[in-house]
Amino acid sequence: MNQPYLAFLLLLAFVAFNAALLIGLSHLVAPRKPTSVKDAPYESGMPPLGNARERFSVKFYLVAMLFIVFARGGRGWGFCWWRCWCSC
């Protein structure tokens, strides 16, 4: 009963072991030379202005959702309508 899944489980175990091994090796071998310049935030070469934890207005999220609905979703609906009209 477990025979069909044996190859898949072996592959899954190999992939998980390989991923853990590579991540572990990268942490052991990678050079660590922290400096104040490397630890500073970087924003396109400019010093950061203000706080990064600023609250956004609800209008921002509304515009984002409208973009997703009309700009991205409209293409899918337009394609469906095109397929319906052109198939006749």
N, C-alpha and C. Protein backbone atom coordinates (compact mmCIF):
# COMPACT_ATOMS: atom_id res chain seq x y z
N MET A 1 0.81 -1.19 0.00
CA MET A 1 0.00 0.00 0.00
C MET A 1 0.86 1.26 0.00
N ASN A 2 1.98 1.27 0.69
CA ASN A 2 2.85 2.43 0.74
C ASN A 2 3.86 2.46 -0.40
N GLN A 3 3.87 1.47 -1.23
CA GLN A 3 4.84 1.36 -2.31
C GLN A 3 4.77 2.54 -3.30
N PRO A 4 3.59 2.97 -3.73
CA PRO A 4 3.56 4.09 -4.69
C PRO A 4 4.11 5.40 -4.10
N TYR A 5 4.00 5.57 -2.80
CA TYR A 5 4.44 6.82 -2.18
C TYR A 5 5.90 6.78 -1.75
N LEU A 6 6.53 5.64 -1.82
CA LEU A 6 7.89 5.51 -1.32
C LEU A 6 8.87 6.38 -2.10
N ALA A 7 8.78 6.37 -3.42
CA ALA A 7 9.68 7.18 -4.24
C ALA A 7 9.47 8.67 -3.96
N PHE A 8 8.21 9.08 -3.82
CA PHE A 8 7.92 10.48 -3.54
C PHE A 8 8.46 10.89 -2.17
N LEU A 9 8.27 10.05 -1.17
CA LEU A 9 8.75 10.37 0.17
C LEU A 9 10.28 10.41 0.21
N LEU A 10 10.94 9.52 -0.52
CA LEU A 10 12.40 9.56 -0.59
C LEU A 10 12.88 10.84 -1.26
N LEU A 11 12.23 11.24 -2.33
CA LEU A 11 12.59 12.48 -3.00
C LEU A 11 12.35 13.69 -2.09
N LEU A 12 11.23 13.69 -1.39
CA LEU A 12 10.92 14.78 -0.48
C LEU A 12 11.95 14.86 0.65
N ALA A 13 12.34 13.71 1.19
CA ALA A 13 13.36 13.69 2.24
C ALA A 13 14.70 14.18 1.72
N PHE A 14 15.06 13.77 0.51
CA PHE A 14 16.32 14.22 -0.09
C PHE A 14 16.32 15.73 -0.30
N VAL A 15 15.24 16.27 -0.79
CA VAL A 15 15.15 17.71 -1.04
C VAL A 15 15.22 18.48 0.28
N ALA A 16 14.50 18.03 1.30
CA ALA A 16 14.53 18.72 2.59
C ALA A 16 15.93 18.66 3.20
N PHE A 17 16.57 17.50 3.13
CA PHE A 17 17.93 17.36 3.67
C PHE A 17 18.90 18.25 2.91
N ASN A 18 18.79 18.26 1.59
CA ASN A 18 19.68 19.08 0.77
C ASN A 18 19.49 20.57 1.07
N ALA A 19 18.25 21.01 1.22
CA ALA A 19 17.98 22.41 1.53
C ALA A 19 18.56 22.78 2.89
N ALA A 20 18.34 21.93 3.89
CA ALA A 20 18.87 22.21 5.23
C ALA A 20 20.39 22.21 5.22
N LEU A 21 20.98 21.29 4.47
CA LEU A 21 22.44 21.22 4.39
C LEU A 21 23.02 22.47 3.75
N LEU A 22 22.44 22.93 2.66
CA LEU A 22 22.96 24.11 1.98
C LEU A 22 22.78 25.37 2.82
N ILE A 23 21.66 25.51 3.49
CA ILE A 23 21.46 26.68 4.34
C ILE A 23 22.43 26.65 5.52
N GLY A 24 22.61 25.47 6.11
CA GLY A 24 23.55 25.36 7.22
C GLY A 24 24.98 25.65 6.80
N LEU A 25 25.39 25.14 5.65
CA LEU A 25 26.74 25.40 5.16
C LEU A 25 26.95 26.88 4.84
N SER A 26 25.93 27.52 4.30
CA SER A 26 26.09 28.94 3.98
C SER A 26 26.25 29.77 5.25
N HIS A 27 25.60 29.38 6.34
CA HIS A 27 25.77 30.10 7.60
C HIS A 27 27.14 29.85 8.21
N LEU A 28 27.68 28.66 8.00
CA LEU A 28 28.99 28.35 8.57
C LEU A 28 30.15 28.96 7.78
N VAL A 29 30.02 28.98 6.45
CA VAL A 29 31.13 29.38 5.59
C VAL A 29 31.13 30.87 5.28
N ALA A 30 29.98 31.51 5.32
CA ALA A 30 29.88 32.91 4.92
C ALA A 30 30.69 33.82 5.84
N PRO A 31 31.41 34.79 5.27
CA PRO A 31 32.17 35.72 6.11
C PRO A 31 31.23 36.71 6.81
N ARG A 32 31.56 37.01 8.05
CA ARG A 32 30.76 37.97 8.81
C ARG A 32 31.65 39.12 9.23
N LYS A 33 31.40 40.27 8.62
CA LYS A 33 32.15 41.48 8.97
C LYS A 33 31.14 42.63 9.12
N PRO A 34 30.37 42.64 10.22
CA PRO A 34 29.38 43.71 10.37
C PRO A 34 30.04 45.06 10.63
N THR A 35 29.53 46.07 9.96
CA THR A 35 29.99 47.44 10.18
C THR A 35 28.76 48.33 10.35
N SER A 36 29.00 49.55 10.78
CA SER A 36 27.86 50.47 10.96
C SER A 36 27.26 50.86 9.61
N VAL A 37 28.07 50.88 8.57
CA VAL A 37 27.56 51.22 7.24
C VAL A 37 26.65 50.11 6.72
N LYS A 38 27.04 48.85 6.95
CA LYS A 38 26.22 47.73 6.50
C LYS A 38 24.92 47.60 7.30
N ASP A 39 24.94 48.02 8.55
CA ASP A 39 23.75 47.91 9.39
C ASP A 39 22.79 49.07 9.20
N ALA A 40 23.19 50.13 8.54
CA ALA A 40 22.33 51.28 8.33
C ALA A 40 21.28 50.98 7.26
N PRO A 41 20.08 51.55 7.39
CA PRO A 41 19.07 51.35 6.35
C PRO A 41 19.47 52.07 5.06
N TYR A 42 19.07 51.49 3.94
CA TYR A 42 19.44 52.05 2.63
C TYR A 42 18.17 52.33 1.84
N GLU A 43 18.02 53.57 1.41
CA GLU A 43 16.86 53.94 0.60
C GLU A 43 17.34 54.71 -0.62
N SER A 44 17.77 54.01 -1.63
CA SER A 44 18.20 54.59 -2.90
C SER A 44 19.32 55.61 -2.73
N GLY A 45 20.21 55.37 -1.82
CA GLY A 45 21.34 56.26 -1.62
C GLY A 45 21.04 57.50 -0.82
N MET A 46 19.81 57.68 -0.40
CA MET A 46 19.42 58.86 0.38
C MET A 46 19.29 58.47 1.84
N PRO A 47 19.57 59.38 2.75
CA PRO A 47 19.32 59.07 4.16
C PRO A 47 17.82 58.91 4.39
N PRO A 48 17.42 57.97 5.23
CA PRO A 48 15.98 57.74 5.44
C PRO A 48 15.33 58.93 6.13
N LEU A 49 14.12 59.24 5.68
CA LEU A 49 13.37 60.36 6.24
C LEU A 49 12.14 59.82 6.96
N GLY A 50 11.94 60.19 8.17
CA GLY A 50 10.74 59.80 8.91
C GLY A 50 10.80 58.37 9.41
N ASN A 51 9.64 57.91 9.89
CA ASN A 51 9.52 56.59 10.47
C ASN A 51 8.98 55.61 9.43
N ALA A 52 9.50 54.41 9.42
CA ALA A 52 9.03 53.41 8.47
C ALA A 52 7.70 52.79 8.88
N ARG A 53 7.31 52.98 10.14
CA ARG A 53 6.07 52.40 10.66
C ARG A 53 4.92 53.40 10.60
N GLU A 54 4.85 54.17 9.53
CA GLU A 54 3.82 55.18 9.37
C GLU A 54 2.51 54.55 8.96
N ARG A 55 1.40 55.07 9.45
CA ARG A 55 0.08 54.54 9.11
C ARG A 55 -0.36 55.07 7.75
N PHE A 56 -0.99 54.20 6.96
CA PHE A 56 -1.51 54.59 5.65
C PHE A 56 -2.99 54.92 5.77
N SER A 57 -3.43 55.80 4.91
CA SER A 57 -4.84 56.15 4.86
C SER A 57 -5.65 55.01 4.25
N VAL A 58 -6.93 54.95 4.58
CA VAL A 58 -7.81 53.93 4.01
C VAL A 58 -7.92 54.12 2.50
N LYS A 59 -7.80 55.36 2.03
CA LYS A 59 -7.89 55.64 0.60
C LYS A 59 -6.80 54.90 -0.17
N PHE A 60 -5.64 54.74 0.43
CA PHE A 60 -4.54 54.02 -0.22
C PHE A 60 -4.96 52.57 -0.50
N TYR A 61 -5.54 51.92 0.50
CA TYR A 61 -5.96 50.53 0.32
C TYR A 61 -7.12 50.42 -0.66
N LEU A 62 -8.02 51.41 -0.65
CA LEU A 62 -9.13 51.41 -1.58
C LEU A 62 -8.64 51.53 -3.02
N VAL A 63 -7.71 52.41 -3.26
CA VAL A 63 -7.14 52.56 -4.61
C VAL A 63 -6.42 51.28 -5.03
N ALA A 64 -5.71 50.66 -4.10
CA ALA A 64 -5.01 49.41 -4.42
C ALA A 64 -5.99 48.31 -4.80
N MET A 65 -7.09 48.18 -4.05
CA MET A 65 -8.08 47.15 -4.37
C MET A 65 -8.77 47.44 -5.69
N LEU A 66 -9.07 48.71 -5.95
CA LEU A 66 -9.69 49.06 -7.23
C LEU A 66 -8.74 48.77 -8.39
N PHE A 67 -7.45 48.99 -8.19
CA PHE A 67 -6.49 48.66 -9.23
C PHE A 67 -6.51 47.16 -9.52
N ILE A 68 -6.53 46.36 -8.48
CA ILE A 68 -6.53 44.91 -8.68
C ILE A 68 -7.81 44.48 -9.39
N VAL A 69 -8.94 45.04 -8.99
CA VAL A 69 -10.21 44.63 -9.59
C VAL A 69 -10.30 45.05 -11.05
N PHE A 70 -9.97 46.31 -11.35
CA PHE A 70 -10.20 46.80 -12.70
C PHE A 70 -9.00 46.60 -13.64
N ALA A 71 -7.81 46.85 -13.19
CA ALA A 71 -6.66 46.77 -14.08
C ALA A 71 -6.26 45.31 -14.33
N ARG A 72 -6.21 44.51 -13.28
CA ARG A 72 -5.78 43.13 -13.44
C ARG A 72 -6.95 42.23 -13.78
N GLY A 73 -8.05 42.39 -13.08
CA GLY A 73 -9.21 41.53 -13.30
C GLY A 73 -9.93 41.84 -14.60
N GLY A 74 -9.85 43.09 -15.04
CA GLY A 74 -10.53 43.47 -16.28
C GLY A 74 -9.99 42.75 -17.50
N ARG A 75 -8.72 42.44 -17.48
CA ARG A 75 -8.13 41.72 -18.61
C ARG A 75 -8.71 40.32 -18.72
N GLY A 76 -8.89 39.67 -17.59
CA GLY A 76 -9.46 38.32 -17.62
C GLY A 76 -10.89 38.33 -18.10
N TRP A 77 -11.70 39.28 -17.60
CA TRP A 77 -13.08 39.36 -18.05
C TRP A 77 -13.16 39.77 -19.51
N GLY A 78 -12.27 40.69 -19.93
CA GLY A 78 -12.26 41.09 -21.34
C GLY A 78 -11.92 39.93 -22.25
N PHE A 79 -11.00 39.09 -21.82
CA PHE A 79 -10.65 37.92 -22.61
C PHE A 79 -11.83 36.96 -22.70
N CYS A 80 -12.55 36.79 -21.59
CA CYS A 80 -13.72 35.89 -21.61
C CYS A 80 -14.79 36.42 -22.56
N TRP A 81 -15.05 37.74 -22.50
CA TRP A 81 -16.04 38.31 -23.41
C TRP A 81 -15.58 38.19 -24.86
N TRP A 82 -14.31 38.40 -25.11
CA TRP A 82 -13.79 38.29 -26.47
C TRP A 82 -13.96 36.87 -26.99
N ARG A 83 -13.70 35.88 -26.15
CA ARG A 83 -13.83 34.48 -26.56
C ARG A 83 -15.29 34.15 -26.86
N CYS A 84 -16.22 34.72 -26.06
CA CYS A 84 -17.64 34.46 -26.28
C CYS A 84 -18.12 35.08 -27.59
N TRP A 85 -17.71 36.32 -27.87
CA TRP A 85 -18.18 37.00 -29.06
C TRP A 85 -17.53 36.46 -30.33
N CYS A 86 -16.27 36.05 -30.24
CA CYS A 86 -15.56 35.60 -31.44
C CYS A 86 -15.81 34.13 -31.75
N SER A 87 -16.37 33.39 -30.84
CA SER A 87 -16.60 31.97 -31.08
C SER A 87 -17.84 31.73 -31.94
N CYS A 88 -18.68 32.76 -32.12
CA CYS A 88 -19.91 32.59 -32.89
C CYS A 88 -19.64 32.53 -34.38
